[in-house]
Amino acid sequence: MTARPTYGLFELSHRLQSPLLVRAKVDRPINKKSRYAEKDAVKLWNFMNDSPVSGTLTMEIPKRKATAHAKERNARTAILTVKFGAFLLNPSRNDIKHRTTDLPDIPLNAVYAYEADPPENEEPVEWMLLTDLTFPTFKKLARRCGGIVCGGESKCFSKF
C-alpha cells in the first residue's frame, strides 16, 4: 500500500471518528517538517528501531502451509519484542487535493512487534502496525494485543 491510500484511509478514519489499524508494508517517510522536506524526513522502520523496547508479548503462531508468497512455518510459541511510538503521517506532496486544501499531518501510533530470537530455520515474525488508537502504557497495549489472532495467510487483529 502506498503512502497516499494509507493517508486517505486515516484521514477518513479521523473524519468518521472510527479507529483504524493497518499493517504497514512500506517504509515511508514520516515526521516531515514540510511536504517538500527530504533532509529532515525519517523512515518509519528507522524511527521504530531507534525507539526503546516497551516489553515483550508471548504469542502462539499457527502452522502455515507453503504458498506462492510464503514459506511453510511450523506452529510455535513466539516471544515478540514490542516497541510503540507516536509519529506524524504526512500527506503525499503530489496529492491533487493540495491544490484546493491544506492537507494536515495526521498523528498516528506505530506498534512494532518482532521476534528477536526465532527458532533455527524459521523466519522471524515481524509486524509493523499503524493505528490512530493511543496506548499510554505498555500494559494497556498488551491488554489490547491479547486479542491478536494470527491465522492462515492473513492476520486478523481482532480486538484492537
N, C-alpha and C. Protein backbone atom coordinates (compact mmCIF):
# COMPACT_ATOMS: atom_id res chain seq x y z
N MET A 1 0.86 -1.18 0.00
CA MET A 1 0.00 0.00 0.00
C MET A 1 0.90 1.24 0.00
N THR A 2 0.63 2.16 -0.86
CA THR A 2 1.45 3.36 -0.92
C THR A 2 1.01 4.37 0.12
N ALA A 3 1.82 5.40 0.31
CA ALA A 3 1.53 6.39 1.36
C ALA A 3 0.20 7.10 1.12
N ARG A 4 -0.13 7.41 -0.14
CA ARG A 4 -1.34 8.17 -0.40
C ARG A 4 -2.61 7.43 0.01
N PRO A 5 -2.82 6.17 -0.40
CA PRO A 5 -4.02 5.47 0.08
C PRO A 5 -4.04 5.34 1.60
N THR A 6 -2.89 5.11 2.22
CA THR A 6 -2.84 4.99 3.68
C THR A 6 -3.24 6.32 4.31
N TYR A 7 -2.72 7.42 3.78
CA TYR A 7 -3.09 8.73 4.30
C TYR A 7 -4.60 8.94 4.16
N GLY A 8 -5.15 8.60 3.02
CA GLY A 8 -6.58 8.76 2.79
C GLY A 8 -7.42 7.92 3.73
N LEU A 9 -6.98 6.70 4.01
CA LEU A 9 -7.70 5.84 4.96
C LEU A 9 -7.72 6.47 6.35
N PHE A 10 -6.57 6.93 6.81
CA PHE A 10 -6.52 7.52 8.15
C PHE A 10 -7.23 8.87 8.21
N GLU A 11 -7.20 9.62 7.11
CA GLU A 11 -7.93 10.88 7.07
C GLU A 11 -9.42 10.61 7.17
N LEU A 12 -9.92 9.60 6.46
CA LEU A 12 -11.33 9.22 6.54
C LEU A 12 -11.67 8.69 7.93
N SER A 13 -10.79 7.88 8.48
CA SER A 13 -10.99 7.35 9.83
C SER A 13 -11.14 8.49 10.84
N HIS A 14 -10.30 9.51 10.69
CA HIS A 14 -10.37 10.67 11.58
C HIS A 14 -11.70 11.42 11.43
N ARG A 15 -12.11 11.64 10.17
CA ARG A 15 -13.37 12.34 9.94
C ARG A 15 -14.57 11.57 10.48
N LEU A 16 -14.54 10.24 10.35
CA LEU A 16 -15.65 9.41 10.82
C LEU A 16 -15.55 9.06 12.30
N GLN A 17 -14.44 9.44 12.92
CA GLN A 17 -14.17 9.10 14.32
C GLN A 17 -14.30 7.60 14.55
N SER A 18 -13.71 6.86 13.63
CA SER A 18 -13.73 5.40 13.67
C SER A 18 -12.29 4.90 13.66
N PRO A 19 -11.81 4.33 14.76
CA PRO A 19 -10.41 3.89 14.84
C PRO A 19 -10.04 2.90 13.73
N LEU A 20 -8.79 2.94 13.35
CA LEU A 20 -8.30 2.12 12.25
C LEU A 20 -6.96 1.51 12.64
N LEU A 21 -6.73 0.30 12.18
CA LEU A 21 -5.46 -0.39 12.37
C LEU A 21 -5.09 -1.05 11.06
N VAL A 22 -3.88 -0.77 10.57
CA VAL A 22 -3.40 -1.40 9.34
C VAL A 22 -1.99 -1.94 9.56
N ARG A 23 -1.66 -2.95 8.80
CA ARG A 23 -0.29 -3.48 8.84
C ARG A 23 0.51 -2.76 7.77
N ALA A 24 1.61 -2.17 8.18
CA ALA A 24 2.46 -1.41 7.25
C ALA A 24 3.35 -2.37 6.46
N LYS A 25 3.51 -2.07 5.19
CA LYS A 25 4.44 -2.80 4.33
C LYS A 25 5.50 -1.87 3.75
N VAL A 26 5.17 -0.57 3.70
CA VAL A 26 6.05 0.41 3.06
C VAL A 26 6.81 1.18 4.13
N ASP A 27 8.11 1.28 3.95
CA ASP A 27 8.95 2.06 4.87
C ASP A 27 8.90 3.52 4.45
N ARG A 28 7.80 4.16 4.80
CA ARG A 28 7.51 5.51 4.33
C ARG A 28 8.22 6.57 5.16
N PRO A 29 8.47 7.75 4.58
CA PRO A 29 8.99 8.86 5.37
C PRO A 29 7.89 9.40 6.29
N ILE A 30 8.28 9.77 7.50
CA ILE A 30 7.34 10.31 8.49
C ILE A 30 7.95 11.54 9.14
N ASN A 31 7.14 12.25 9.90
CA ASN A 31 7.58 13.40 10.70
C ASN A 31 8.29 14.48 9.88
N LYS A 32 7.88 14.66 8.63
CA LYS A 32 8.48 15.70 7.79
C LYS A 32 8.02 17.07 8.25
N LYS A 33 8.93 18.05 8.22
CA LYS A 33 8.61 19.42 8.65
C LYS A 33 7.79 20.16 7.59
N SER A 34 7.96 19.77 6.33
CA SER A 34 7.17 20.35 5.24
C SER A 34 6.98 19.26 4.19
N ARG A 35 6.04 19.46 3.29
CA ARG A 35 5.77 18.39 2.33
C ARG A 35 6.90 18.20 1.33
N TYR A 36 7.79 19.17 1.18
CA TYR A 36 8.91 19.04 0.26
C TYR A 36 10.21 18.66 0.95
N ALA A 37 10.19 18.59 2.27
CA ALA A 37 11.42 18.30 3.02
C ALA A 37 11.90 16.89 2.73
N GLU A 38 13.17 16.75 2.51
CA GLU A 38 13.78 15.43 2.34
C GLU A 38 14.83 15.19 3.41
N LYS A 39 15.56 16.24 3.81
CA LYS A 39 16.65 16.09 4.76
C LYS A 39 16.16 15.72 6.16
N ASP A 40 15.03 16.28 6.57
CA ASP A 40 14.56 16.03 7.93
C ASP A 40 13.65 14.80 8.01
N ALA A 41 13.38 14.17 6.89
CA ALA A 41 12.48 13.02 6.89
C ALA A 41 13.20 11.79 7.46
N VAL A 42 12.49 11.07 8.29
CA VAL A 42 13.00 9.82 8.83
C VAL A 42 12.05 8.73 8.34
N LYS A 43 12.58 7.55 8.10
CA LYS A 43 11.75 6.43 7.64
C LYS A 43 11.15 5.72 8.85
N LEU A 44 9.96 5.15 8.64
CA LEU A 44 9.20 4.52 9.71
C LEU A 44 9.99 3.43 10.43
N TRP A 45 10.62 2.51 9.69
CA TRP A 45 11.34 1.41 10.35
C TRP A 45 12.53 1.94 11.15
N ASN A 46 13.25 2.92 10.63
CA ASN A 46 14.36 3.51 11.38
C ASN A 46 13.86 4.18 12.65
N PHE A 47 12.75 4.89 12.55
CA PHE A 47 12.15 5.56 13.70
C PHE A 47 11.82 4.54 14.79
N MET A 48 11.20 3.43 14.39
CA MET A 48 10.81 2.42 15.38
C MET A 48 12.01 1.62 15.89
N ASN A 49 12.99 1.37 15.04
CA ASN A 49 14.19 0.68 15.51
C ASN A 49 14.92 1.50 16.57
N ASP A 50 14.86 2.83 16.46
CA ASP A 50 15.51 3.71 17.43
C ASP A 50 14.68 3.92 18.69
N SER A 51 13.43 3.47 18.67
CA SER A 51 12.55 3.62 19.85
C SER A 51 12.92 2.60 20.91
N PRO A 52 12.69 2.93 22.18
CA PRO A 52 13.02 1.98 23.25
C PRO A 52 12.06 0.79 23.26
N VAL A 53 12.56 -0.34 23.74
CA VAL A 53 11.72 -1.52 23.90
C VAL A 53 10.73 -1.25 25.02
N SER A 54 9.46 -1.55 24.75
CA SER A 54 8.41 -1.34 25.74
C SER A 54 8.15 -2.58 26.57
N GLY A 55 8.39 -3.75 25.99
CA GLY A 55 8.14 -5.00 26.70
C GLY A 55 8.13 -6.16 25.72
N THR A 56 7.65 -7.30 26.18
CA THR A 56 7.53 -8.48 25.34
C THR A 56 6.14 -9.08 25.47
N LEU A 57 5.71 -9.74 24.40
CA LEU A 57 4.45 -10.48 24.39
C LEU A 57 4.73 -11.89 23.92
N THR A 58 4.04 -12.85 24.49
CA THR A 58 4.15 -14.23 24.05
C THR A 58 2.90 -14.56 23.24
N MET A 59 3.12 -15.10 22.04
CA MET A 59 2.00 -15.42 21.15
C MET A 59 2.16 -16.81 20.57
N GLU A 60 1.04 -17.45 20.35
CA GLU A 60 1.01 -18.73 19.65
C GLU A 60 0.93 -18.44 18.15
N ILE A 61 1.91 -18.95 17.41
CA ILE A 61 1.96 -18.76 15.97
C ILE A 61 1.51 -20.08 15.33
N PRO A 62 0.45 -20.07 14.53
CA PRO A 62 -0.05 -21.32 13.95
C PRO A 62 0.83 -21.82 12.81
N LYS A 63 0.67 -23.09 12.53
CA LYS A 63 1.37 -23.69 11.39
C LYS A 63 0.83 -23.07 10.11
N ARG A 64 1.71 -22.93 9.13
CA ARG A 64 1.30 -22.38 7.84
C ARG A 64 1.86 -23.25 6.74
N LYS A 65 1.03 -23.58 5.77
CA LYS A 65 1.47 -24.33 4.60
C LYS A 65 2.16 -23.37 3.64
N ALA A 66 3.07 -23.90 2.86
CA ALA A 66 3.78 -23.09 1.87
C ALA A 66 2.81 -22.63 0.80
N THR A 67 3.00 -21.39 0.34
CA THR A 67 2.22 -20.83 -0.76
C THR A 67 3.20 -20.16 -1.72
N ALA A 68 2.65 -19.57 -2.75
CA ALA A 68 3.50 -18.85 -3.71
C ALA A 68 4.18 -17.64 -3.07
N HIS A 69 3.59 -17.12 -1.98
CA HIS A 69 4.11 -15.90 -1.35
C HIS A 69 4.71 -16.10 0.03
N ALA A 70 4.60 -17.30 0.58
CA ALA A 70 5.08 -17.52 1.94
C ALA A 70 5.64 -18.94 2.09
N LYS A 71 6.68 -19.04 2.90
CA LYS A 71 7.27 -20.35 3.18
C LYS A 71 6.44 -21.08 4.23
N GLU A 72 6.60 -22.38 4.25
CA GLU A 72 5.95 -23.18 5.29
C GLU A 72 6.50 -22.76 6.64
N ARG A 73 5.64 -22.82 7.65
CA ARG A 73 6.05 -22.44 9.00
C ARG A 73 5.45 -23.44 9.98
N ASN A 74 6.27 -23.87 10.92
CA ASN A 74 5.80 -24.75 11.98
C ASN A 74 5.08 -23.94 13.05
N ALA A 75 4.12 -24.58 13.71
CA ALA A 75 3.47 -23.93 14.85
C ALA A 75 4.50 -23.77 15.96
N ARG A 76 4.41 -22.64 16.67
CA ARG A 76 5.35 -22.41 17.76
C ARG A 76 4.86 -21.28 18.65
N THR A 77 5.49 -21.18 19.79
CA THR A 77 5.26 -20.06 20.68
C THR A 77 6.37 -19.05 20.40
N ALA A 78 5.99 -17.82 20.12
CA ALA A 78 6.96 -16.78 19.81
C ALA A 78 6.95 -15.72 20.90
N ILE A 79 8.13 -15.28 21.26
CA ILE A 79 8.27 -14.16 22.19
C ILE A 79 8.60 -12.94 21.34
N LEU A 80 7.67 -11.99 21.33
CA LEU A 80 7.82 -10.80 20.49
C LEU A 80 8.29 -9.62 21.33
N THR A 81 9.31 -8.96 20.85
CA THR A 81 9.76 -7.70 21.42
C THR A 81 8.83 -6.63 20.86
N VAL A 82 8.35 -5.74 21.72
CA VAL A 82 7.38 -4.74 21.28
C VAL A 82 7.90 -3.33 21.57
N LYS A 83 7.75 -2.50 20.56
CA LYS A 83 8.05 -1.08 20.68
C LYS A 83 6.83 -0.32 20.19
N PHE A 84 6.54 0.82 20.78
CA PHE A 84 5.48 1.65 20.22
C PHE A 84 5.87 3.10 20.34
N GLY A 85 5.36 3.88 19.39
CA GLY A 85 5.70 5.29 19.39
C GLY A 85 4.75 6.09 18.52
N ALA A 86 4.67 7.38 18.81
CA ALA A 86 3.81 8.30 18.08
C ALA A 86 4.61 8.99 16.98
N PHE A 87 3.94 9.25 15.86
CA PHE A 87 4.58 9.95 14.75
C PHE A 87 3.52 10.69 13.95
N LEU A 88 3.97 11.48 12.98
CA LEU A 88 3.05 12.19 12.09
C LEU A 88 3.12 11.57 10.70
N LEU A 89 1.96 11.17 10.18
CA LEU A 89 1.86 10.70 8.80
C LEU A 89 1.60 11.91 7.93
N ASN A 90 2.51 12.16 7.03
CA ASN A 90 2.42 13.34 6.17
C ASN A 90 1.70 12.98 4.88
N PRO A 91 0.92 13.93 4.34
CA PRO A 91 0.28 13.67 3.05
C PRO A 91 1.33 13.64 1.95
N SER A 92 1.03 12.94 0.89
CA SER A 92 1.92 12.91 -0.27
C SER A 92 2.05 14.32 -0.83
N ARG A 93 3.25 14.71 -1.17
CA ARG A 93 3.44 16.07 -1.71
C ARG A 93 2.80 16.21 -3.09
N ASN A 94 2.50 15.10 -3.76
CA ASN A 94 1.88 15.15 -5.08
C ASN A 94 0.37 14.96 -5.04
N ASP A 95 -0.21 14.93 -3.85
CA ASP A 95 -1.65 14.73 -3.73
C ASP A 95 -2.39 15.89 -4.40
N ILE A 96 -3.30 15.57 -5.29
CA ILE A 96 -4.04 16.57 -6.04
C ILE A 96 -4.86 17.49 -5.13
N LYS A 97 -5.23 16.99 -3.95
CA LYS A 97 -6.03 17.80 -3.01
C LYS A 97 -5.26 19.01 -2.49
N HIS A 98 -3.91 19.00 -2.60
CA HIS A 98 -3.11 20.14 -2.16
C HIS A 98 -3.47 21.42 -2.92
N ARG A 99 -4.02 21.27 -4.13
CA ARG A 99 -4.36 22.45 -4.93
C ARG A 99 -5.52 23.25 -4.33
N THR A 100 -6.41 22.55 -3.63
CA THR A 100 -7.59 23.23 -3.10
C THR A 100 -7.68 23.22 -1.58
N THR A 101 -6.88 22.39 -0.93
CA THR A 101 -6.97 22.22 0.52
C THR A 101 -5.58 22.10 1.12
N ASP A 102 -5.42 22.62 2.32
CA ASP A 102 -4.19 22.43 3.06
C ASP A 102 -4.33 21.11 3.84
N LEU A 103 -3.68 20.06 3.37
CA LEU A 103 -3.81 18.75 3.99
C LEU A 103 -2.96 18.68 5.26
N PRO A 104 -3.56 18.31 6.38
CA PRO A 104 -2.81 18.26 7.64
C PRO A 104 -2.01 16.97 7.79
N ASP A 105 -1.00 17.04 8.63
CA ASP A 105 -0.32 15.82 9.06
C ASP A 105 -1.28 15.10 10.01
N ILE A 106 -1.24 13.77 10.00
CA ILE A 106 -2.14 13.00 10.85
C ILE A 106 -1.34 12.33 11.96
N PRO A 107 -1.67 12.61 13.21
CA PRO A 107 -0.95 11.94 14.31
C PRO A 107 -1.37 10.47 14.40
N LEU A 108 -0.38 9.59 14.38
CA LEU A 108 -0.62 8.15 14.45
C LEU A 108 0.32 7.51 15.45
N ASN A 109 0.06 6.25 15.71
CA ASN A 109 0.93 5.44 16.57
C ASN A 109 1.34 4.20 15.81
N ALA A 110 2.57 3.80 16.02
CA ALA A 110 3.07 2.57 15.43
C ALA A 110 3.32 1.57 16.55
N VAL A 111 3.00 0.33 16.28
CA VAL A 111 3.31 -0.78 17.18
C VAL A 111 4.19 -1.72 16.36
N TYR A 112 5.42 -1.88 16.80
CA TYR A 112 6.39 -2.73 16.10
C TYR A 112 6.65 -3.95 16.97
N ALA A 113 6.20 -5.11 16.50
CA ALA A 113 6.38 -6.36 17.23
C ALA A 113 7.22 -7.29 16.37
N TYR A 114 8.31 -7.79 16.94
CA TYR A 114 9.20 -8.65 16.17
C TYR A 114 9.82 -9.71 17.06
N GLU A 115 10.15 -10.81 16.43
CA GLU A 115 10.77 -11.92 17.12
C GLU A 115 12.28 -11.76 17.03
N ALA A 116 12.91 -11.41 18.14
CA ALA A 116 14.35 -11.15 18.14
C ALA A 116 15.17 -12.43 18.05
N ASP A 117 14.64 -13.53 18.53
CA ASP A 117 15.39 -14.79 18.57
C ASP A 117 14.52 -15.94 18.06
N PRO A 118 14.28 -16.01 16.74
CA PRO A 118 13.43 -17.07 16.22
C PRO A 118 14.14 -18.43 16.27
N PRO A 119 13.37 -19.52 16.23
CA PRO A 119 13.99 -20.84 16.19
C PRO A 119 14.84 -20.99 14.91
N GLU A 120 15.80 -21.87 14.98
CA GLU A 120 16.66 -22.13 13.83
C GLU A 120 15.81 -22.58 12.65
N ASN A 121 16.14 -22.11 11.46
CA ASN A 121 15.45 -22.43 10.21
C ASN A 121 14.02 -21.88 10.13
N GLU A 122 13.67 -20.92 10.95
CA GLU A 122 12.36 -20.27 10.90
C GLU A 122 12.56 -18.78 10.65
N GLU A 123 11.70 -18.21 9.81
CA GLU A 123 11.75 -16.76 9.60
C GLU A 123 11.16 -16.07 10.82
N PRO A 124 11.75 -14.97 11.25
CA PRO A 124 11.21 -14.28 12.43
C PRO A 124 9.86 -13.64 12.12
N VAL A 125 8.99 -13.63 13.11
CA VAL A 125 7.72 -12.93 13.00
C VAL A 125 8.02 -11.44 13.14
N GLU A 126 7.40 -10.61 12.28
CA GLU A 126 7.61 -9.17 12.35
C GLU A 126 6.36 -8.47 11.85
N TRP A 127 5.80 -7.58 12.68
CA TRP A 127 4.64 -6.80 12.30
C TRP A 127 4.88 -5.34 12.64
N MET A 128 4.58 -4.48 11.70
CA MET A 128 4.56 -3.04 11.94
C MET A 128 3.11 -2.62 11.75
N LEU A 129 2.47 -2.23 12.81
CA LEU A 129 1.07 -1.85 12.79
C LEU A 129 0.93 -0.35 12.97
N LEU A 130 0.06 0.26 12.17
CA LEU A 130 -0.21 1.69 12.27
C LEU A 130 -1.64 1.86 12.73
N THR A 131 -1.87 2.76 13.67
CA THR A 131 -3.20 2.97 14.21
C THR A 131 -3.37 4.40 14.70
N ASP A 132 -4.63 4.82 14.75
CA ASP A 132 -4.92 6.12 15.36
C ASP A 132 -5.39 5.94 16.80
N LEU A 133 -5.33 4.71 17.30
CA LEU A 133 -5.58 4.45 18.72
C LEU A 133 -4.34 4.84 19.51
N THR A 134 -4.51 5.21 20.77
CA THR A 134 -3.36 5.55 21.60
C THR A 134 -3.15 4.50 22.68
N PHE A 135 -1.91 4.31 23.05
CA PHE A 135 -1.53 3.36 24.09
C PHE A 135 -0.62 4.10 25.07
N PRO A 136 -1.18 4.63 26.15
CA PRO A 136 -0.35 5.42 27.07
C PRO A 136 0.69 4.58 27.81
N THR A 137 0.43 3.28 27.98
CA THR A 137 1.39 2.42 28.68
C THR A 137 1.48 1.08 27.96
N PHE A 138 2.58 0.38 28.19
CA PHE A 138 2.73 -0.95 27.60
C PHE A 138 1.67 -1.90 28.14
N LYS A 139 1.30 -1.75 29.40
CA LYS A 139 0.30 -2.62 30.00
C LYS A 139 -1.03 -2.52 29.23
N LYS A 140 -1.42 -1.29 28.87
CA LYS A 140 -2.67 -1.11 28.10
C LYS A 140 -2.52 -1.66 26.69
N LEU A 141 -1.34 -1.47 26.10
CA LEU A 141 -1.09 -2.04 24.78
C LEU A 141 -1.17 -3.55 24.83
N ALA A 142 -0.53 -4.16 25.83
CA ALA A 142 -0.53 -5.62 25.96
C ALA A 142 -1.94 -6.15 26.18
N ARG A 143 -2.74 -5.41 26.93
CA ARG A 143 -4.12 -5.82 27.15
C ARG A 143 -4.88 -5.86 25.83
N ARG A 144 -4.66 -4.86 24.98
CA ARG A 144 -5.32 -4.83 23.67
C ARG A 144 -4.77 -5.91 22.76
N CYS A 145 -3.46 -6.15 22.84
CA CYS A 145 -2.83 -7.15 21.98
C CYS A 145 -3.20 -8.57 22.39
N GLY A 146 -3.75 -8.73 23.57
CA GLY A 146 -4.18 -10.06 23.99
C GLY A 146 -5.20 -10.64 23.05
N GLY A 147 -5.86 -9.82 22.24
CA GLY A 147 -6.86 -10.30 21.31
C GLY A 147 -6.34 -10.54 19.91
N ILE A 148 -5.04 -10.38 19.71
CA ILE A 148 -4.50 -10.60 18.37
C ILE A 148 -4.62 -12.07 18.01
N VAL A 149 -5.10 -12.32 16.82
CA VAL A 149 -5.23 -13.68 16.32
C VAL A 149 -4.45 -13.75 15.02
N CYS A 150 -3.64 -14.76 14.88
CA CYS A 150 -2.90 -14.95 13.64
C CYS A 150 -3.43 -16.21 12.98
N GLY A 151 -3.82 -16.11 11.74
CA GLY A 151 -4.33 -17.31 11.10
C GLY A 151 -4.14 -17.27 9.61
N GLY A 152 -3.90 -18.44 9.05
CA GLY A 152 -3.77 -18.57 7.60
C GLY A 152 -2.75 -17.62 7.02
N GLU A 153 -3.07 -17.08 5.89
CA GLU A 153 -2.16 -16.15 5.22
C GLU A 153 -2.42 -14.71 5.62
N SER A 154 -3.57 -14.45 6.19
CA SER A 154 -3.87 -13.07 6.61
C SER A 154 -3.83 -12.98 8.11
N LYS A 155 -3.71 -11.77 8.60
CA LYS A 155 -3.69 -11.54 10.04
C LYS A 155 -4.98 -10.84 10.42
N CYS A 156 -5.58 -11.29 11.48
CA CYS A 156 -6.79 -10.64 11.98
C CYS A 156 -6.47 -10.05 13.33
N PHE A 157 -6.43 -8.75 13.42
CA PHE A 157 -6.11 -8.07 14.67
C PHE A 157 -7.44 -7.72 15.32
N SER A 158 -8.04 -8.74 15.92
CA SER A 158 -9.46 -8.71 16.24
C SER A 158 -9.89 -7.75 17.32
N LYS A 159 -9.12 -7.56 18.37
CA LYS A 159 -9.64 -6.77 19.49
C LYS A 159 -9.01 -5.41 19.61
N PHE A 160 -8.41 -4.91 18.54
CA PHE A 160 -7.84 -3.58 18.61
C PHE A 160 -8.98 -2.63 18.61
